[in-house]
């Protein structure tokens, strides 16, 4: 009767550990994804507010509005006569 004092078998301990581990992993994933979604939502709201404030000041936050003009045909290095 050497092993009769142990009521819990090794396989049940392994199953309990795996269940607990999976619960922890699932909980962490849910918390991380929830925080990520919340921050995306909050950031979107702040971006819309910033765009509204900029529009009131007459400033555009669109990068296309500040794009540089094209390079003149004679100033392009790849089309330089010395490179041919």
N, C-alpha and C. Protein backbone atom coordinates (compact mmCIF):
# COMPACT_ATOMS: atom_id res chain seq x y z
N UNK A 1 0.83 -1.19 0.00
CA UNK A 1 0.00 0.00 0.00
C UNK A 1 0.87 1.26 0.00
N UNK A 2 1.96 1.19 -0.72
CA UNK A 2 2.87 2.32 -0.72
C UNK A 2 2.26 3.53 -1.44
N UNK A 3 1.51 3.32 -2.51
CA UNK A 3 0.98 4.44 -3.27
C UNK A 3 -0.46 4.77 -2.94
N UNK A 4 -1.03 4.21 -1.90
CA UNK A 4 -2.44 4.43 -1.61
C UNK A 4 -2.70 5.78 -0.96
N UNK A 5 -1.68 6.43 -0.41
CA UNK A 5 -1.92 7.73 0.24
C UNK A 5 -2.14 8.85 -0.78
N UNK A 6 -1.71 8.66 -2.01
CA UNK A 6 -1.85 9.68 -3.05
C UNK A 6 -3.17 9.46 -3.79
N UNK A 7 -4.08 10.39 -3.62
CA UNK A 7 -5.40 10.25 -4.26
C UNK A 7 -5.41 10.81 -5.68
N UNK A 8 -4.47 11.68 -6.01
CA UNK A 8 -4.45 12.32 -7.32
C UNK A 8 -3.38 11.65 -8.16
N UNK A 9 -3.75 11.23 -9.35
CA UNK A 9 -2.77 10.59 -10.23
C UNK A 9 -1.98 11.65 -10.99
N UNK A 10 -0.89 11.22 -11.55
CA UNK A 10 -0.01 12.14 -12.28
C UNK A 10 -0.71 12.70 -13.52
N UNK A 11 -1.50 11.88 -14.18
CA UNK A 11 -2.18 12.36 -15.39
C UNK A 11 -3.22 13.42 -15.06
N UNK A 12 -3.90 13.30 -13.92
CA UNK A 12 -4.87 14.32 -13.56
C UNK A 12 -4.18 15.62 -13.17
N UNK A 13 -3.00 15.52 -12.57
CA UNK A 13 -2.23 16.72 -12.24
C UNK A 13 -1.78 17.40 -13.53
N UNK A 14 -1.36 16.61 -14.51
CA UNK A 14 -0.96 17.15 -15.79
C UNK A 14 -2.14 17.86 -16.48
N UNK A 15 -3.31 17.25 -16.41
CA UNK A 15 -4.50 17.85 -17.01
C UNK A 15 -4.87 19.15 -16.30
N UNK A 16 -4.78 19.17 -14.98
CA UNK A 16 -5.08 20.39 -14.23
C UNK A 16 -4.10 21.49 -14.60
N UNK A 17 -2.82 21.13 -14.70
CA UNK A 17 -1.82 22.12 -15.09
C UNK A 17 -2.09 22.67 -16.48
N UNK A 18 -2.41 21.78 -17.43
CA UNK A 18 -2.68 22.23 -18.79
C UNK A 18 -3.92 23.12 -18.85
N UNK A 19 -4.95 22.75 -18.12
CA UNK A 19 -6.16 23.58 -18.09
C UNK A 19 -5.85 24.97 -17.53
N UNK A 20 -5.13 25.01 -16.43
CA UNK A 20 -4.77 26.28 -15.81
C UNK A 20 -3.89 27.11 -16.75
N UNK A 21 -2.93 26.46 -17.38
CA UNK A 21 -2.04 27.15 -18.31
C UNK A 21 -2.84 27.71 -19.49
N UNK A 22 -3.74 26.92 -20.05
CA UNK A 22 -4.55 27.39 -21.17
C UNK A 22 -5.46 28.54 -20.76
N UNK A 23 -6.02 28.47 -19.57
CA UNK A 23 -6.85 29.58 -19.08
C UNK A 23 -6.04 30.87 -18.98
N UNK A 24 -4.83 30.76 -18.47
CA UNK A 24 -3.96 31.93 -18.33
C UNK A 24 -3.62 32.49 -19.71
N UNK A 25 -3.26 31.62 -20.64
CA UNK A 25 -2.90 32.07 -21.99
C UNK A 25 -4.10 32.73 -22.66
N UNK A 26 -5.27 32.11 -22.58
CA UNK A 26 -6.47 32.68 -23.21
C UNK A 26 -6.81 34.02 -22.57
N UNK A 27 -6.70 34.11 -21.26
CA UNK A 27 -6.98 35.37 -20.57
C UNK A 27 -6.02 36.47 -21.01
N UNK A 28 -4.74 36.14 -21.10
CA UNK A 28 -3.75 37.12 -21.54
C UNK A 28 -4.02 37.58 -22.98
N UNK A 29 -4.37 36.65 -23.85
CA UNK A 29 -4.67 37.01 -25.23
C UNK A 29 -5.87 37.93 -25.29
N UNK A 30 -6.91 37.62 -24.53
CA UNK A 30 -8.11 38.46 -24.52
C UNK A 30 -7.80 39.85 -23.98
N UNK A 31 -7.01 39.93 -22.93
CA UNK A 31 -6.66 41.23 -22.35
C UNK A 31 -5.82 42.05 -23.34
N UNK A 32 -4.86 41.41 -23.98
CA UNK A 32 -4.01 42.12 -24.92
C UNK A 32 -4.81 42.59 -26.13
N UNK A 33 -5.63 41.73 -26.69
CA UNK A 33 -6.45 42.12 -27.85
C UNK A 33 -7.47 43.19 -27.47
N UNK A 34 -8.04 43.08 -26.29
CA UNK A 34 -8.98 44.11 -25.83
C UNK A 34 -8.31 45.45 -25.66
N UNK A 35 -7.11 45.46 -25.07
CA UNK A 35 -6.37 46.70 -24.92
C UNK A 35 -5.97 47.29 -26.26
N UNK A 36 -5.59 46.43 -27.18
CA UNK A 36 -5.21 46.88 -28.51
C UNK A 36 -6.41 47.52 -29.22
N UNK A 37 -7.56 46.87 -29.15
CA UNK A 37 -8.76 47.41 -29.79
C UNK A 37 -9.17 48.73 -29.15
N UNK A 38 -9.07 48.82 -27.83
CA UNK A 38 -9.42 50.05 -27.14
C UNK A 38 -8.50 51.19 -27.56
N UNK A 39 -7.20 50.92 -27.63
CA UNK A 39 -6.25 51.96 -28.02
C UNK A 39 -6.46 52.39 -29.47
N UNK A 40 -6.81 51.45 -30.35
CA UNK A 40 -7.12 51.83 -31.74
C UNK A 40 -8.35 52.72 -31.79
N UNK A 41 -9.37 52.39 -31.01
CA UNK A 41 -10.59 53.18 -30.97
C UNK A 41 -10.29 54.59 -30.42
N UNK A 42 -9.53 54.63 -29.32
CA UNK A 42 -9.21 55.91 -28.69
C UNK A 42 -8.33 56.76 -29.60
N UNK A 43 -7.36 56.14 -30.25
CA UNK A 43 -6.49 56.86 -31.16
C UNK A 43 -7.24 57.40 -32.36
N UNK A 44 -8.20 56.63 -32.86
CA UNK A 44 -9.02 57.11 -33.97
C UNK A 44 -9.83 58.34 -33.60
N UNK A 45 -10.38 58.31 -32.41
CA UNK A 45 -11.15 59.47 -31.94
C UNK A 45 -10.26 60.70 -31.79
N UNK A 46 -9.07 60.51 -31.22
CA UNK A 46 -8.14 61.63 -31.06
C UNK A 46 -7.68 62.17 -32.41
N UNK A 47 -7.46 61.27 -33.38
CA UNK A 47 -7.04 61.71 -34.71
C UNK A 47 -8.13 62.56 -35.36
N UNK A 48 -9.38 62.13 -35.21
CA UNK A 48 -10.49 62.91 -35.79
C UNK A 48 -10.58 64.29 -35.12
N UNK A 49 -10.39 64.34 -33.81
CA UNK A 49 -10.40 65.63 -33.10
C UNK A 49 -9.26 66.52 -33.58
N UNK A 50 -8.08 65.94 -33.78
CA UNK A 50 -6.93 66.71 -34.23
C UNK A 50 -7.17 67.25 -35.64
N UNK A 51 -7.78 66.43 -36.50
CA UNK A 51 -8.08 66.90 -37.86
C UNK A 51 -9.10 68.03 -37.84
N UNK A 52 -10.08 67.94 -36.94
CA UNK A 52 -11.07 69.01 -36.83
C UNK A 52 -10.42 70.30 -36.32
N UNK A 53 -9.55 70.20 -35.31
CA UNK A 53 -8.85 71.39 -34.81
C UNK A 53 -7.96 72.00 -35.88
N UNK A 54 -7.29 71.16 -36.65
CA UNK A 54 -6.42 71.66 -37.71
C UNK A 54 -7.24 72.33 -38.81
N UNK A 55 -8.40 71.78 -39.11
CA UNK A 55 -9.26 72.38 -40.14
C UNK A 55 -9.74 73.76 -39.68
N UNK A 56 -10.02 73.91 -38.39
CA UNK A 56 -10.44 75.22 -37.87
C UNK A 56 -9.32 76.25 -37.99
N UNK A 57 -8.07 75.78 -37.88
CA UNK A 57 -6.92 76.69 -38.00
C UNK A 57 -6.51 76.88 -39.45
N UNK A 58 -7.10 76.11 -40.35
CA UNK A 58 -6.75 76.23 -41.77
C UNK A 58 -5.51 75.45 -42.16
N UNK A 59 -5.18 74.45 -41.37
CA UNK A 59 -4.00 73.63 -41.64
C UNK A 59 -4.47 72.24 -42.06
N UNK A 60 -3.80 71.66 -43.03
CA UNK A 60 -4.14 70.31 -43.48
C UNK A 60 -3.18 69.31 -42.85
N UNK A 61 -3.70 68.18 -42.42
CA UNK A 61 -2.86 67.11 -41.87
C UNK A 61 -2.61 66.01 -42.91
N UNK A 62 -3.06 66.23 -44.12
CA UNK A 62 -2.86 65.26 -45.20
C UNK A 62 -1.47 65.46 -45.80
N UNK A 63 -0.66 64.43 -45.79
CA UNK A 63 0.71 64.54 -46.28
C UNK A 63 0.77 64.86 -47.76
N UNK A 64 -0.24 64.46 -48.52
CA UNK A 64 -0.24 64.72 -49.96
C UNK A 64 -0.29 66.22 -50.25
N UNK A 65 -0.83 66.99 -49.33
CA UNK A 65 -0.90 68.44 -49.53
C UNK A 65 0.48 69.10 -49.42
N UNK A 66 1.43 68.40 -48.81
CA UNK A 66 2.76 68.97 -48.61
C UNK A 66 3.83 68.25 -49.43
N UNK A 67 3.42 67.47 -50.40
CA UNK A 67 4.37 66.72 -51.22
C UNK A 67 5.19 67.69 -52.07
N UNK A 68 6.44 67.36 -52.23
CA UNK A 68 7.33 68.20 -53.05
C UNK A 68 6.95 68.05 -54.52
N UNK A 69 7.23 69.08 -55.26
CA UNK A 69 6.96 69.02 -56.69
C UNK A 69 8.01 68.14 -57.35
N UNK A 70 7.70 67.67 -58.53
CA UNK A 70 8.61 66.77 -59.24
C UNK A 70 9.91 67.45 -59.59
N UNK A 71 10.92 66.66 -59.86
CA UNK A 71 12.24 67.17 -60.23
C UNK A 71 12.21 67.53 -61.71
N UNK A 72 12.78 68.66 -62.04
CA UNK A 72 12.82 69.09 -63.43
C UNK A 72 13.59 68.08 -64.28
N UNK A 73 13.21 67.98 -65.53
CA UNK A 73 13.78 66.96 -66.40
C UNK A 73 15.30 67.07 -66.53
N UNK A 74 15.84 68.24 -66.54
CA UNK A 74 17.28 68.42 -66.68
C UNK A 74 18.05 68.15 -65.40
N UNK A 75 17.39 68.12 -64.25
CA UNK A 75 18.06 67.93 -62.96
C UNK A 75 18.10 66.47 -62.50
N UNK A 76 17.55 65.58 -63.26
CA UNK A 76 17.52 64.17 -62.86
C UNK A 76 18.88 63.53 -63.11
N UNK A 77 19.46 62.90 -62.09
CA UNK A 77 20.78 62.30 -62.22
C UNK A 77 20.78 61.08 -63.12
N UNK A 78 19.72 60.31 -63.09
CA UNK A 78 19.68 59.09 -63.89
C UNK A 78 19.59 59.41 -65.38
N UNK A 79 19.17 60.62 -65.73
CA UNK A 79 19.05 60.98 -67.14
C UNK A 79 20.18 61.92 -67.55
N UNK A 80 21.19 62.03 -66.72
CA UNK A 80 22.32 62.92 -67.02
C UNK A 80 23.12 62.34 -68.18
N UNK A 81 23.60 63.20 -69.05
CA UNK A 81 24.34 62.76 -70.24
C UNK A 81 25.65 62.11 -69.87
N UNK A 82 26.25 62.48 -68.75
CA UNK A 82 27.54 61.90 -68.38
C UNK A 82 27.39 60.46 -67.87
N UNK A 83 26.21 60.05 -67.50
CA UNK A 83 25.98 58.69 -66.99
C UNK A 83 25.73 57.69 -68.11
N UNK A 84 25.53 58.17 -69.32
CA UNK A 84 25.20 57.26 -70.42
C UNK A 84 26.43 56.70 -71.07
